[in-house]
Amino acid sequence: MSTVTIPKLEYDVLRKRAQAYEELAGVFFQKIKSEPISEIVEDFKKTGLYSQLFLRDLKSGLEKSSKAKK
């Protein structure tokens, strides 16, 4: 591993951004976990932008995922 030296002010800015990202990602994934798979698939279907094949694949993937509420 290499060592990189940056000014403390720049480090502080980067650290704050990283913390903000972690908090935002946490909220985002909590929301995903709280919505049932059927509702997620239905939301995609309502847009009319996705094929039946895609919707089946989406449902299948979500059913295998530990992030979605079944």
Protein backbone atom coordinates (compact mmCIF):
# COMPACT_ATOMS: atom_id res chain seq x y z
CA MET A 1 0.00 0.00 0.00
CA SER A 2 1.27 3.47 -0.86
CA THR A 3 1.16 6.48 1.40
CA VAL A 4 -0.38 9.70 0.12
CA THR A 5 0.05 12.98 1.95
CA ILE A 6 -2.64 15.64 1.64
CA PRO A 7 -3.33 18.82 3.58
CA LYS A 8 -5.44 18.37 6.71
CA LEU A 9 -8.14 20.69 5.37
CA GLU A 10 -8.52 18.56 2.25
CA TYR A 11 -8.59 15.40 4.39
CA ASP A 12 -11.35 16.89 6.55
CA VAL A 13 -13.43 17.74 3.47
CA LEU A 14 -12.99 14.26 2.03
CA ARG A 15 -13.82 12.63 5.36
CA LYS A 16 -17.04 14.66 5.69
CA ARG A 17 -18.06 13.68 2.16
CA ALA A 18 -17.38 10.02 2.92
CA GLN A 19 -19.48 10.18 6.08
CA ALA A 20 -22.33 11.90 4.23
CA TYR A 21 -22.21 9.22 1.53
CA GLU A 22 -22.29 6.43 4.11
CA GLU A 23 -25.33 7.97 5.80
CA LEU A 24 -27.13 8.49 2.50
CA ALA A 25 -26.38 4.96 1.33
CA GLY A 26 -27.65 3.59 4.63
CA VAL A 27 -30.96 5.42 4.28
CA PHE A 28 -31.27 4.34 0.65
CA PHE A 29 -30.74 0.66 1.39
CA GLN A 30 -33.08 0.76 4.38
CA LYS A 31 -35.80 2.02 2.06
CA ILE A 32 -35.16 -0.78 -0.41
CA LYS A 33 -35.36 -3.38 2.32
CA SER A 34 -38.70 -2.07 3.54
CA GLU A 35 -40.54 -2.32 0.21
CA PRO A 36 -41.99 -5.68 -0.86
CA ILE A 37 -40.70 -7.20 -4.10
CA SER A 38 -44.15 -7.13 -5.69
CA GLU A 39 -44.37 -3.36 -5.16
CA ILE A 40 -40.92 -2.77 -6.63
CA VAL A 41 -41.74 -4.81 -9.74
CA GLU A 42 -45.12 -3.10 -10.08
CA ASP A 43 -43.47 0.33 -9.93
CA PHE A 44 -41.17 -0.65 -12.79
CA LYS A 45 -44.08 -2.13 -14.74
CA LYS A 46 -46.18 1.04 -14.41
CA THR A 47 -43.56 3.07 -16.28
CA GLY A 48 -44.12 1.02 -19.44
CA LEU A 49 -40.40 1.18 -20.15
CA TYR A 50 -39.46 -2.40 -19.33
CA SER A 51 -40.13 -5.68 -21.12
CA GLN A 52 -41.79 -8.65 -19.46
CA LEU A 53 -38.46 -10.48 -19.66
CA PHE A 54 -36.74 -7.68 -17.76
CA LEU A 55 -39.49 -7.59 -15.14
CA ARG A 56 -39.20 -11.37 -14.62
CA ASP A 57 -35.43 -11.05 -14.28
CA LEU A 58 -35.85 -8.16 -11.85
CA LYS A 59 -38.24 -10.16 -9.69
CA SER A 60 -35.96 -13.19 -9.78
CA GLY A 61 -32.95 -11.12 -8.78
CA LEU A 62 -34.80 -9.42 -5.96
CA GLU A 63 -36.01 -12.76 -4.64
CA LYS A 64 -32.39 -13.90 -4.43
CA SER A 65 -31.27 -10.63 -2.83
CA SER A 66 -30.93 -10.21 0.90
CA LYS A 67 -31.78 -6.51 0.50
CA ALA A 68 -35.42 -6.87 -0.55
CA LYS A 69 -38.35 -7.59 1.72
CA LYS A 70 -40.13 -10.72 0.58
